[in-house]
Amino acid sequence: MFYLQPCYGEVSYFQNLKETLLSYFPTVSGKVLKLENNKLILDKGSREGIKKGQRLIIFEETVPLIHPVTRQIIGKSEKIVGTAEVVSVEENSSIATLLEGDVLFKDSLLFKIPKSKIKILYAQGNTEWAVGEGYYRELKNTDRFELIDAPVNITEVEKLLKQPTNADVLLLLKQSKQNGNLKISQELYWFKDKKLFSQSEIELQALALNELRRKYASLIVPEGHTLLSFRLSRSINRVAVGNFDGMSPNQILIASDSEISLYNIDVDLKLKSSYSIPVGGDVIWFDTGDIDRDGKDEIVITLKKDERVISSIIKWVGDGFNEAARLNSVFLRIYDGKLIGQSYSLSAGFDGEIFYVKPEKTDYKTLDIFKLPVKANIYDFYLFGDVMFKWEDDGSISVYNSKGVSLWRSQEPLGYGVQYEKQTGIAMLSLGKWTVQSRIKPLSNGIIIIEKKPLLGLVNLSTLGYRSSRLHLLQWTGIGIEDIAITEEMSGEILDYAVSSDKLIVLVKPPFGFNPKRILQGESPFETILHILSLKY
């Protein structure tokens, strides 16, 4: 185990992980002394940096390379004939097994680990954002690797190794708590045959974590890093990201109460497909995720139509979306890759326990109960280890421990949800209202929430709307909350947002629901704006 001691000045908290990774890619070359039964005897060993698990290029030098002006020989061209993996190492020699190629032994047979940058798919998994960012930058500074960001919503090794990329190596970080510190493990896989070839770990103490958070957490979505903005119809109110057709993880869904549209992100939004929702209504919740583990994300949408609540599961089949299941009187949500539900009733709205769901075509089976330390509705909470973040009825956010004890609560409301009347069936008798708060999603070791500022306090909120809003990252430090504004204040109301790889997608409705500048331009003033922002420098 590698323990990190706090100190002042520039410290490499990731030295052990970095050196382990670099040790597999020294710039070394040598001669193949012998080839027998796919075993290659090499003239270099541990003294020159050769180690078990490294992969080598086997090549031959062919015709000389001649300078076109001086006519001097400046080297020889190379013919790659195969690849091999080191399986045994001595001080001055080593043995490798041939993996690919039809190799015949010659005196001119050579091997090398190339000087070109190694392409790495960098997946920080469940690792805290500031920790992952700190290590990312250290690897970048070595100038030995070309780092490719993995989609943030994919953490399974099998899915990461299926990503459409030309990477050589998958680097996956994982974190866990140990003795009050944070243990970070690094797994390295060869992309070509999905083989795990290295595991290493470090332990970060509290002071190291605090320094990394101060240094990197504030770099999330720096001001002015909007990449693209698009004007959309005012009926658009939901956005999500994912890999819906199994072809590309870089896809955006935008939805209204009646239609869902699928776009690919490029220099522009390119419409791929549209889908009419079979039963339209007010969208209560809009989720995406691969709940059936087939490599394609499903859409889970819950709507309110008149006095009914209807949930649909929608899949990409063939060349378009199709409804796979339609469930009545149940709220659905994709949580941590699994489908959870809660019953709906006219008199209570959210009714009873939250449970895991097994959907069928027109019905569902209730599986295990989803246990929480305090009572909540299906959309109000997110669990992080032994703490629970939760929206309260007044629009504030609270943190509870595993025993249901309140650890922290925001001093004032951060947002206001959509409210619906509880129905009694008796005229003039009201049971109050049930509320659907805005989306709550994980990022780093915290949650993203929307802070909304009404135009005139709470006066006519439903009519006048919001003056401005922005996204916050709330991180529990163990003794309190670290609150980081991850977007600048945006004019109007943030309706929804999604996180995709290194991008943040934000859907905004202007104040009063329209943009008066459009009237002067002879255009409809009613619109919503889709912003695509950078999550990193």
Protein backbone atom coordinates (compact mmCIF):
# COMPACT_ATOMS: atom_id res chain seq x y z
CA MET A 1 0.00 0.00 0.00
CA PHE A 2 1.27 3.49 -0.87
CA TYR A 3 0.45 6.15 1.75
CA LEU A 4 0.52 9.82 0.88
CA GLN A 5 1.84 12.29 3.39
CA PRO A 6 0.65 15.91 3.25
CA CYS A 7 3.26 18.50 2.47
CA TYR A 8 3.49 21.92 0.97
CA GLY A 9 4.39 22.95 -2.52
CA GLU A 10 3.87 20.94 -5.71
CA VAL A 11 3.18 17.31 -4.80
CA SER A 12 2.47 14.35 -7.05
CA TYR A 13 -0.23 12.46 -5.19
CA PHE A 14 -0.43 9.95 -8.04
CA GLN A 15 3.25 9.05 -8.37
CA ASN A 16 2.74 5.34 -7.74
CA LEU A 17 -0.09 5.02 -10.28
CA LYS A 18 1.75 7.12 -12.85
CA GLU A 19 5.03 5.22 -12.53
CA THR A 20 3.21 1.89 -12.78
CA LEU A 21 1.58 2.99 -16.04
CA LEU A 22 4.78 4.48 -17.47
CA SER A 23 6.73 1.31 -16.64
CA TYR A 24 4.83 -0.57 -19.35
CA PHE A 25 5.83 1.93 -22.06
CA PRO A 26 9.57 2.68 -21.95
CA THR A 27 11.04 3.62 -25.32
CA VAL A 28 13.20 0.57 -25.78
CA SER A 29 14.31 -1.54 -28.74
CA GLY A 30 16.50 -4.56 -29.29
CA LYS A 31 17.18 -7.74 -31.19
CA VAL A 32 15.31 -11.05 -31.34
CA LEU A 33 18.01 -13.66 -30.63
CA LYS A 34 15.92 -16.74 -31.22
CA LEU A 35 12.39 -17.82 -32.27
CA GLU A 36 11.06 -21.23 -31.31
CA ASN A 37 7.43 -22.42 -30.96
CA ASN A 38 6.11 -18.83 -30.88
CA LYS A 39 8.61 -17.96 -28.12
CA LEU A 40 11.00 -15.09 -28.83
CA ILE A 41 14.29 -14.73 -26.92
CA LEU A 42 15.15 -11.01 -26.62
CA ASP A 43 18.51 -9.37 -25.95
CA LYS A 44 17.09 -6.87 -23.42
CA GLY A 45 15.85 -7.43 -19.87
CA SER A 46 14.90 -5.64 -16.65
CA ARG A 47 18.06 -3.54 -16.75
CA GLU A 48 16.68 -1.75 -19.84
CA GLY A 49 13.10 -1.48 -18.51
CA ILE A 50 11.62 -4.68 -19.91
CA LYS A 51 8.92 -6.15 -17.63
CA LYS A 52 6.35 -8.90 -17.75
CA GLY A 53 3.09 -7.85 -19.44
CA GLN A 54 4.58 -5.34 -21.88
CA ARG A 55 3.60 -5.60 -25.52
CA LEU A 56 6.15 -5.29 -28.28
CA ILE A 57 6.18 -4.65 -32.00
CA ILE A 58 8.20 -7.21 -33.96
CA PHE A 59 9.71 -5.78 -37.14
CA GLU A 60 12.42 -6.03 -39.76
CA GLU A 61 14.56 -3.26 -41.14
CA THR A 62 14.39 -3.21 -44.93
CA VAL A 63 15.72 -0.74 -47.50
CA PRO A 64 17.85 2.24 -46.37
CA LEU A 65 16.22 5.68 -46.12
CA ILE A 66 18.26 8.22 -48.12
CA HIS A 67 18.09 11.98 -47.60
CA PRO A 68 16.76 13.53 -50.85
CA VAL A 69 19.33 16.35 -50.83
CA THR A 70 22.51 15.09 -49.13
CA ARG A 71 21.96 11.50 -50.36
CA GLN A 72 23.20 10.27 -47.00
CA ILE A 73 21.65 7.22 -45.33
CA ILE A 74 19.52 8.50 -42.43
CA GLY A 75 17.98 5.21 -41.36
CA LYS A 76 16.11 2.20 -42.60
CA SER A 77 12.44 1.63 -43.31
CA GLU A 78 10.65 -0.85 -41.08
CA LYS A 79 8.34 -3.73 -41.90
CA ILE A 80 6.12 -4.72 -38.98
CA VAL A 81 5.64 -8.49 -38.93
CA GLY A 82 3.91 -9.15 -35.61
CA THR A 83 3.26 -8.30 -31.96
CA ALA A 84 4.35 -10.13 -28.80
CA GLU A 85 3.88 -10.03 -25.03
CA VAL A 86 6.71 -10.31 -22.51
CA VAL A 87 6.16 -13.36 -20.27
CA SER A 88 9.51 -13.80 -18.49
CA VAL A 89 12.33 -11.36 -17.62
CA GLU A 90 15.97 -11.68 -16.53
CA GLU A 91 18.38 -8.83 -15.97
CA ASN A 92 19.81 -8.83 -19.51
CA SER A 93 17.35 -10.95 -21.47
CA SER A 94 13.67 -11.80 -21.67
CA ILE A 95 11.14 -14.11 -23.31
CA ALA A 96 8.03 -12.98 -25.20
CA THR A 97 5.12 -14.91 -26.68
CA LEU A 98 4.03 -14.13 -30.22
CA LEU A 99 0.45 -12.79 -30.27
CA GLU A 100 -0.01 -11.87 -33.94
CA GLY A 101 1.85 -12.27 -37.19
CA ASP A 102 3.50 -14.92 -39.31
CA VAL A 103 7.08 -14.40 -38.15
CA LEU A 104 10.12 -16.22 -39.53
CA PHE A 105 13.41 -15.94 -37.69
CA LYS A 106 16.11 -13.82 -39.36
CA ASP A 107 19.21 -12.09 -38.09
CA SER A 108 17.47 -8.81 -38.94
CA LEU A 109 14.46 -9.52 -36.67
CA LEU A 110 14.01 -6.72 -34.12
CA PHE A 111 11.55 -5.58 -31.44
CA LYS A 112 10.57 -2.26 -29.89
CA ILE A 113 8.07 -0.37 -27.77
CA PRO A 114 7.39 2.62 -30.03
CA LYS A 115 8.15 6.24 -29.15
CA SER A 116 4.77 7.42 -30.44
CA LYS A 117 2.14 8.41 -27.85
CA ILE A 118 0.13 5.56 -26.37
CA LYS A 119 -3.62 6.09 -26.82
CA ILE A 120 -5.49 5.57 -23.55
CA LEU A 121 -9.25 5.57 -22.95
CA TYR A 122 -9.38 7.34 -19.59
CA ALA A 123 -12.34 6.21 -17.46
CA GLN A 124 -12.55 7.68 -13.96
CA GLY A 125 -15.64 5.62 -13.13
CA ASN A 126 -16.99 6.45 -9.68
CA THR A 127 -13.86 8.39 -8.73
CA GLU A 128 -14.30 11.88 -7.35
CA TRP A 129 -14.07 14.47 -10.11
CA ALA A 130 -11.19 16.49 -8.62
CA VAL A 131 -9.14 13.31 -8.05
CA GLY A 132 -9.74 12.05 -11.59
CA GLU A 133 -8.95 15.48 -13.02
CA GLY A 134 -5.72 15.75 -11.02
CA TYR A 135 -4.43 12.40 -12.27
CA TYR A 136 -5.59 13.16 -15.83
CA ARG A 137 -3.46 16.31 -15.86
CA GLU A 138 -0.40 14.54 -14.47
CA LEU A 139 -0.60 11.90 -17.21
CA LYS A 140 -1.10 14.62 -19.81
CA ASN A 141 2.05 16.37 -18.61
CA THR A 142 4.21 13.26 -19.16
CA ASP A 143 3.71 13.79 -22.92
CA ARG A 144 3.76 10.00 -23.28
CA PHE A 145 0.02 9.44 -23.65
CA GLU A 146 -2.86 10.59 -25.81
CA LEU A 147 -5.81 10.57 -23.41
CA ILE A 148 -9.35 9.93 -24.69
CA ASP A 149 -12.22 10.72 -22.31
CA ALA A 150 -14.58 7.82 -21.66
CA PRO A 151 -18.32 8.56 -21.38
CA VAL A 152 -19.05 9.46 -17.75
CA ASN A 153 -22.22 7.37 -17.66
CA ILE A 154 -20.39 4.08 -18.40
CA THR A 155 -18.42 2.35 -15.63
CA GLU A 156 -18.58 -1.35 -16.61
CA VAL A 157 -15.35 -2.73 -18.10
CA GLU A 158 -17.18 -4.73 -20.77
CA LYS A 159 -19.02 -1.66 -22.06
CA LEU A 160 -15.93 0.54 -21.95
CA LEU A 161 -13.98 -1.99 -24.02
CA LYS A 162 -16.75 -1.87 -26.64
CA GLN A 163 -16.44 1.88 -27.11
CA PRO A 164 -15.82 2.94 -30.73
CA THR A 165 -12.28 4.20 -30.24
CA ASN A 166 -8.80 3.40 -31.53
CA ALA A 167 -7.29 3.32 -28.04
CA ASP A 168 -4.48 0.92 -27.15
CA VAL A 169 -5.27 0.75 -23.44
CA LEU A 170 -8.26 1.20 -21.13
CA LEU A 171 -7.39 2.92 -17.84
CA LEU A 172 -10.17 2.52 -15.26
CA LEU A 173 -10.08 4.27 -11.88
CA LYS A 174 -12.16 3.10 -8.91
CA GLN A 175 -12.50 4.55 -5.44
CA SER A 176 -13.50 3.25 -2.02
CA LYS A 177 -13.27 4.55 1.52
CA GLN A 178 -10.79 2.96 3.92
CA ASN A 179 -9.96 4.08 7.45
CA GLY A 180 -11.37 7.52 6.72
CA ASN A 181 -9.15 7.92 3.65
CA LEU A 182 -9.90 7.44 -0.04
CA LYS A 183 -8.40 4.41 -1.74
CA ILE A 184 -7.90 4.84 -5.51
CA SER A 185 -7.26 1.76 -7.62
CA GLN A 186 -6.07 1.71 -11.23
CA GLU A 187 -6.87 -1.12 -13.64
CA LEU A 188 -5.18 -1.35 -17.04
CA TYR A 189 -6.55 -3.41 -19.93
CA TRP A 190 -5.26 -4.04 -23.42
CA PHE A 191 -8.02 -2.98 -25.78
CA LYS A 192 -7.22 -5.50 -28.48
CA ASP A 193 -7.96 -8.66 -26.47
CA LYS A 194 -9.57 -7.08 -23.36
CA LYS A 195 -6.84 -8.49 -21.10
CA LEU A 196 -6.21 -7.02 -17.64
CA PHE A 197 -2.46 -6.50 -17.32
CA SER A 198 -1.99 -4.30 -14.27
CA GLN A 199 -3.66 -3.34 -10.98
CA SER A 200 -2.27 -0.79 -8.54
CA GLU A 201 -3.58 1.53 -5.84
CA ILE A 202 -2.87 4.52 -3.65
CA GLU A 203 -4.48 5.97 -0.55
CA LEU A 204 -5.34 9.67 -0.33
CA GLN A 205 -5.62 11.27 3.08
CA ALA A 206 -8.04 14.10 3.90
CA LEU A 207 -5.48 16.89 3.42
CA ALA A 208 -4.55 15.57 -0.01
CA LEU A 209 -8.23 15.38 -1.00
CA ASN A 210 -8.90 18.92 0.14
CA GLU A 211 -5.94 20.24 -1.83
CA LEU A 212 -7.06 18.41 -4.98
CA ARG A 213 -10.61 19.73 -4.55
CA ARG A 214 -9.38 23.30 -4.15
CA LYS A 215 -7.12 22.98 -7.17
CA TYR A 216 -9.41 21.21 -9.63
CA ALA A 217 -13.06 21.19 -8.62
CA SER A 218 -13.52 24.87 -9.53
CA LEU A 219 -12.39 24.09 -13.08
CA ILE A 220 -15.69 22.40 -13.89
CA VAL A 221 -17.45 24.41 -16.59
CA PRO A 222 -15.38 27.61 -16.39
CA GLU A 223 -17.17 30.77 -17.49
CA GLY A 224 -17.38 31.36 -21.21
CA HIS A 225 -16.90 27.72 -22.15
CA THR A 226 -20.16 27.36 -24.04
CA LEU A 227 -19.32 25.36 -27.14
CA LEU A 228 -22.66 25.49 -28.96
CA SER A 229 -26.14 26.94 -28.44
CA PHE A 230 -29.34 26.06 -30.31
CA ARG A 231 -32.81 27.62 -30.39
CA LEU A 232 -35.58 25.08 -29.98
CA SER A 233 -39.37 25.11 -29.84
CA ARG A 234 -40.82 26.35 -26.54
CA SER A 235 -42.52 22.97 -26.11
CA ILE A 236 -39.15 21.25 -25.51
CA ASN A 237 -38.68 20.65 -21.80
CA ARG A 238 -36.44 17.60 -21.31
CA VAL A 239 -32.95 16.52 -22.40
CA ALA A 240 -30.92 13.33 -21.94
CA VAL A 241 -27.83 11.68 -23.40
CA GLY A 242 -26.73 8.13 -24.16
CA ASN A 243 -26.06 5.46 -26.77
CA PHE A 244 -29.51 4.54 -28.04
CA ASP A 245 -28.83 2.74 -31.33
CA GLY A 246 -25.68 0.93 -30.18
CA MET A 247 -23.55 2.93 -32.62
CA SER A 248 -22.44 6.06 -30.79
CA PRO A 249 -22.41 7.19 -27.12
CA ASN A 250 -22.46 10.81 -28.24
CA GLN A 251 -26.20 11.24 -28.78
CA ILE A 252 -28.73 13.74 -27.40
CA LEU A 253 -32.44 13.24 -26.81
CA ILE A 254 -34.73 16.24 -26.56
CA ALA A 255 -38.37 15.78 -25.63
CA SER A 256 -41.64 17.63 -25.40
CA ASP A 257 -44.86 16.32 -23.88
CA SER A 258 -45.68 14.56 -27.15
CA GLU A 259 -42.46 13.84 -29.07
CA ILE A 260 -38.88 12.63 -28.58
CA SER A 261 -36.10 13.51 -31.06
CA LEU A 262 -32.68 11.87 -31.30
CA TYR A 263 -29.67 13.93 -32.42
CA ASN A 264 -26.00 13.21 -32.98
CA ILE A 265 -23.57 15.83 -31.64
CA ASP A 266 -21.18 17.18 -34.24
CA VAL A 267 -20.36 20.78 -35.14
CA ASP A 268 -24.15 20.97 -35.29
CA LEU A 269 -27.08 18.91 -34.09
CA LYS A 270 -27.95 16.29 -36.70
CA LEU A 271 -31.45 14.82 -36.44
CA LYS A 272 -31.33 11.03 -36.58
CA SER A 273 -34.87 10.04 -35.61
CA SER A 274 -38.15 11.31 -34.16
CA TYR A 275 -40.72 9.42 -32.12
CA SER A 276 -44.28 10.37 -31.18
CA ILE A 277 -45.07 9.47 -27.57
CA PRO A 278 -48.13 7.14 -27.71
CA VAL A 279 -49.83 8.73 -24.69
CA GLY A 280 -48.87 12.40 -24.31
CA GLY A 281 -49.12 14.45 -21.14
CA ASP A 282 -47.04 16.47 -18.66
CA VAL A 283 -43.56 14.90 -18.49
CA ILE A 284 -42.89 14.17 -14.82
CA TRP A 285 -39.60 12.33 -15.30
CA PHE A 286 -37.31 11.51 -18.22
CA ASP A 287 -34.49 9.00 -17.78
CA THR A 288 -32.07 7.00 -19.92
CA GLY A 289 -29.87 4.00 -19.21
CA ASP A 290 -29.07 0.45 -20.29
CA ILE A 291 -31.40 -1.38 -17.93
CA ASP A 292 -31.45 -4.64 -19.92
CA ARG A 293 -27.64 -4.72 -20.41
CA ASP A 294 -27.76 -5.10 -24.21
CA GLY A 295 -25.36 -2.25 -25.00
CA LYS A 296 -28.16 0.19 -25.94
CA ASP A 297 -29.74 2.74 -23.61
CA GLU A 298 -33.48 2.64 -23.01
CA ILE A 299 -35.74 5.65 -22.44
CA VAL A 300 -37.93 5.67 -19.34
CA ILE A 301 -40.57 8.40 -19.33
CA THR A 302 -43.30 9.05 -16.75
CA LEU A 303 -46.19 11.35 -17.71
CA LYS A 304 -49.31 12.72 -16.06
CA LYS A 305 -52.40 12.83 -18.26
CA ASP A 306 -55.55 14.14 -16.63
CA GLU A 307 -55.71 12.19 -13.35
CA ARG A 308 -53.58 9.29 -14.56
CA VAL A 309 -49.84 8.57 -14.28
CA ILE A 310 -48.41 6.50 -17.12
CA SER A 311 -44.83 5.25 -17.54
CA SER A 312 -43.31 3.98 -20.79
CA ILE A 313 -40.10 2.12 -21.56
CA ILE A 314 -38.90 2.91 -25.08
CA LYS A 315 -36.14 1.03 -26.98
CA TRP A 316 -34.35 1.43 -30.28
CA VAL A 317 -35.37 -1.48 -32.51
CA GLY A 318 -34.22 -1.73 -36.12
CA ASP A 319 -34.10 1.84 -37.38
CA GLY A 320 -36.23 3.64 -34.79
CA PHE A 321 -37.74 3.83 -31.31
CA ASN A 322 -40.53 1.50 -30.20
CA GLU A 323 -42.48 1.26 -26.97
CA ALA A 324 -41.41 -1.90 -25.13
CA ALA A 325 -43.73 -1.52 -22.13
CA ARG A 326 -46.47 0.80 -20.85
CA LEU A 327 -47.22 0.72 -17.12
CA ASN A 328 -50.12 2.41 -15.37
CA SER A 329 -50.19 4.09 -11.95
CA VAL A 330 -46.46 3.78 -11.30
CA PHE A 331 -43.59 6.28 -11.30
CA LEU A 332 -40.32 4.98 -12.81
CA ARG A 333 -36.70 6.04 -12.50
CA ILE A 334 -33.37 4.57 -13.60
CA TYR A 335 -31.13 4.60 -10.55
CA ASP A 336 -27.56 3.29 -10.61
CA GLY A 337 -28.32 1.31 -13.78
CA LYS A 338 -31.44 -0.37 -12.38
CA LEU A 339 -35.14 0.36 -12.68
CA ILE A 340 -36.95 1.48 -9.55
CA GLY A 341 -40.60 2.41 -9.08
CA GLN A 342 -43.18 3.84 -6.71
CA SER A 343 -46.95 3.53 -6.87
CA TYR A 344 -49.23 6.45 -7.71
CA SER A 345 -52.58 7.21 -6.12
CA LEU A 346 -55.03 10.10 -6.59
CA SER A 347 -55.08 10.92 -2.89
CA ALA A 348 -51.34 10.77 -2.16
CA GLY A 349 -49.44 11.20 -5.40
CA PHE A 350 -46.32 9.25 -4.40
CA ASP A 351 -47.75 6.28 -2.54
CA GLY A 352 -45.89 3.74 -0.40
CA GLU A 353 -42.40 2.26 -0.56
CA ILE A 354 -39.90 2.62 -3.41
CA PHE A 355 -39.09 -0.75 -4.99
CA TYR A 356 -37.05 -2.40 -7.72
CA VAL A 357 -39.14 -3.12 -10.83
CA LYS A 358 -39.27 -5.94 -13.34
CA PRO A 359 -41.31 -4.51 -16.24
CA GLU A 360 -43.60 -6.53 -18.47
CA LYS A 361 -45.49 -5.43 -21.57
CA THR A 362 -48.46 -3.87 -19.78
CA ASP A 363 -47.68 -4.63 -16.13
CA TYR A 364 -44.76 -5.01 -13.74
CA LYS A 365 -43.50 -7.12 -10.87
CA THR A 366 -42.38 -5.57 -7.61
CA LEU A 367 -38.99 -6.91 -6.56
CA ASP A 368 -36.99 -5.93 -3.45
CA ILE A 369 -37.83 -2.80 -1.47
CA PHE A 370 -35.38 0.08 -2.02
CA LYS A 371 -34.49 0.99 1.57
CA LEU A 372 -33.72 4.59 2.52
CA PRO A 373 -32.66 6.09 5.88
CA VAL A 374 -35.51 8.66 5.71
CA LYS A 375 -38.81 8.76 3.84
CA ALA A 376 -38.58 10.21 0.33
CA ASN A 377 -40.35 9.99 -3.00
CA ILE A 378 -38.73 8.26 -5.93
CA TYR A 379 -37.29 11.45 -7.50
CA ASP A 380 -36.15 13.35 -4.38
CA PHE A 381 -32.89 11.64 -3.38
CA TYR A 382 -29.45 10.35 -4.22
CA LEU A 383 -27.31 8.08 -2.02
CA PHE A 384 -23.54 8.51 -1.75
CA GLY A 385 -22.01 5.78 0.38
CA ASP A 386 -23.33 6.34 3.90
CA VAL A 387 -24.94 9.75 3.21
CA MET A 388 -28.18 10.67 1.47
CA PHE A 389 -28.91 13.92 -0.40
CA LYS A 390 -32.59 14.81 -0.47
CA TRP A 391 -34.87 17.54 -1.77
CA GLU A 392 -37.21 18.81 0.95
CA ASP A 393 -40.79 19.95 0.32
CA ASP A 394 -39.83 23.64 0.63
CA GLY A 395 -37.17 23.38 -2.10
CA SER A 396 -34.15 23.14 0.20
CA ILE A 397 -31.57 20.32 0.08
CA SER A 398 -30.66 18.16 3.09
CA VAL A 399 -27.96 15.60 3.87
CA TYR A 400 -28.72 12.61 6.13
CA ASN A 401 -26.51 9.84 7.47
CA SER A 402 -27.32 6.12 7.25
CA LYS A 403 -29.30 6.32 10.50
CA GLY A 404 -31.55 9.09 9.20
CA VAL A 405 -29.93 11.84 11.26
CA SER A 406 -29.86 15.25 9.55
CA LEU A 407 -26.28 16.41 8.97
CA TRP A 408 -26.89 19.57 6.93
CA ARG A 409 -29.64 21.61 5.29
CA SER A 410 -29.42 24.55 2.90
CA GLN A 411 -30.33 27.85 4.53
CA GLU A 412 -32.86 28.77 1.86
CA PRO A 413 -34.75 27.09 -1.00
CA LEU A 414 -32.68 26.33 -4.08
CA GLY A 415 -35.54 25.56 -6.41
CA TYR A 416 -39.25 24.87 -6.67
CA GLY A 417 -40.81 21.84 -8.24
CA VAL A 418 -43.98 21.25 -10.22
CA GLN A 419 -47.00 20.73 -7.96
CA TYR A 420 -50.16 18.66 -8.47
CA GLU A 421 -53.31 18.55 -6.33
CA LYS A 422 -54.06 15.47 -4.26
CA GLN A 423 -57.57 14.34 -5.18
CA THR A 424 -60.20 13.46 -2.58
CA GLY A 425 -63.31 13.03 -4.68
CA ILE A 426 -65.06 15.50 -2.35
CA ALA A 427 -65.66 19.05 -3.58
CA MET A 428 -63.96 21.84 -1.59
CA LEU A 429 -61.84 19.36 0.40
CA SER A 430 -58.11 19.55 -0.28
CA LEU A 431 -55.42 17.16 0.92
CA GLY A 432 -52.64 19.45 -0.28
CA LYS A 433 -50.24 18.90 -3.12
CA TRP A 434 -47.55 16.48 -4.24
CA THR A 435 -44.38 17.90 -5.78
CA VAL A 436 -41.88 16.77 -8.41
CA GLN A 437 -38.55 18.52 -7.86
CA SER A 438 -35.96 19.16 -10.57
CA ARG A 439 -33.46 16.53 -11.63
CA ILE A 440 -30.77 15.42 -9.20
CA LYS A 441 -27.73 13.64 -10.70
CA PRO A 442 -24.34 12.48 -9.39
CA LEU A 443 -21.03 14.04 -10.41
CA SER A 444 -17.70 13.45 -8.72
CA ASN A 445 -18.46 12.75 -5.03
CA GLY A 446 -21.53 14.97 -5.01
CA ILE A 447 -24.75 15.86 -6.76
CA ILE A 448 -25.78 18.43 -9.36
CA ILE A 449 -28.84 20.49 -8.51
CA ILE A 450 -30.59 23.41 -10.20
CA GLU A 451 -30.83 26.68 -8.24
CA LYS A 452 -33.72 28.81 -9.51
CA LYS A 453 -34.36 32.47 -8.65
CA PRO A 454 -37.98 33.65 -9.13
CA LEU A 455 -38.69 36.94 -10.88
CA LEU A 456 -40.67 38.36 -7.95
CA GLY A 457 -40.00 36.09 -5.03
CA LEU A 458 -42.81 33.55 -4.79
CA VAL A 459 -45.43 35.96 -6.14
CA ASN A 460 -47.18 34.45 -9.17
CA LEU A 461 -44.31 32.02 -9.64
CA SER A 462 -46.30 29.76 -11.94
CA THR A 463 -47.18 32.76 -14.16
CA LEU A 464 -44.05 34.90 -14.13
CA GLY A 465 -41.47 32.16 -13.90
CA TYR A 466 -37.80 32.60 -13.03
CA ARG A 467 -35.35 35.47 -13.39
CA SER A 468 -32.23 33.28 -13.53
CA SER A 469 -30.87 29.88 -12.61
CA ARG A 470 -27.61 27.96 -12.48
CA LEU A 471 -26.22 24.51 -11.72
CA HIS A 472 -24.42 23.71 -8.47
CA LEU A 473 -22.25 20.78 -7.41
CA LEU A 474 -22.82 19.93 -3.75
CA GLN A 475 -20.10 17.73 -2.23
CA TRP A 476 -20.23 16.27 1.27
CA THR A 477 -16.79 16.61 2.89
CA GLY A 478 -17.56 14.64 6.04
CA ILE A 479 -18.09 17.75 8.14
CA GLY A 480 -20.06 19.97 5.80
CA ILE A 481 -20.99 20.85 2.23
CA GLU A 482 -18.67 22.27 -0.40
CA ASP A 483 -20.86 24.23 -2.82
CA ILE A 484 -19.41 24.82 -6.29
CA ALA A 485 -21.27 26.77 -8.99
CA ILE A 486 -20.59 24.78 -12.14
CA THR A 487 -22.29 27.16 -14.55
CA GLU A 488 -22.53 30.90 -14.60
CA GLU A 489 -25.96 32.35 -13.85
CA MET A 490 -28.22 31.86 -16.86
CA SER A 491 -31.13 34.14 -17.69
CA GLY A 492 -34.43 32.33 -17.21
CA GLU A 493 -35.18 28.84 -15.94
CA ILE A 494 -32.98 25.77 -16.39
CA LEU A 495 -35.56 23.14 -17.31
CA ASP A 496 -33.26 20.12 -17.45
CA TYR A 497 -29.64 19.09 -17.95
CA ALA A 498 -27.52 16.06 -18.84
CA VAL A 499 -23.85 15.08 -18.54
CA SER A 500 -22.07 13.41 -21.45
CA SER A 501 -18.36 12.58 -21.52
CA ASP A 502 -16.66 16.00 -21.30
CA LYS A 503 -19.81 17.99 -22.07
CA LEU A 504 -22.67 19.45 -20.08
CA ILE A 505 -25.99 19.91 -21.90
CA VAL A 506 -28.35 22.49 -20.39
CA LEU A 507 -31.92 23.31 -21.48
CA VAL A 508 -33.04 26.86 -20.60
CA LYS A 509 -36.35 28.72 -20.92
CA PRO A 510 -36.00 32.56 -21.12
CA PRO A 511 -37.79 34.78 -18.53
CA PHE A 512 -41.58 34.92 -19.16
CA GLY A 513 -41.05 32.01 -21.58
CA PHE A 514 -40.13 34.17 -24.59
CA ASN A 515 -37.34 36.22 -26.11
CA PRO A 516 -38.62 39.71 -27.10
CA LYS A 517 -35.68 40.24 -29.51
CA ARG A 518 -37.28 37.67 -31.85
CA ILE A 519 -40.34 39.92 -32.32
CA LEU A 520 -38.15 42.67 -33.80
CA GLN A 521 -36.66 40.08 -36.14
CA GLY A 522 -40.12 39.01 -37.30
CA GLU A 523 -39.76 35.59 -35.66
CA SER A 524 -41.66 33.75 -32.95
CA PRO A 525 -40.40 34.92 -29.55
CA PHE A 526 -41.31 31.65 -27.80
CA GLU A 527 -38.34 29.32 -27.52
CA THR A 528 -36.09 27.26 -25.32
CA ILE A 529 -32.30 27.29 -25.65
CA LEU A 530 -30.05 24.23 -25.65
CA HIS A 531 -26.51 25.04 -24.45
CA ILE A 532 -23.63 22.58 -24.84
CA LEU A 533 -20.81 23.48 -22.47
CA SER A 534 -17.33 22.09 -21.86
CA LEU A 535 -16.78 20.21 -18.60
CA LYS A 536 -13.00 20.75 -18.76
CA TYR A 537 -10.46 23.23 -20.02
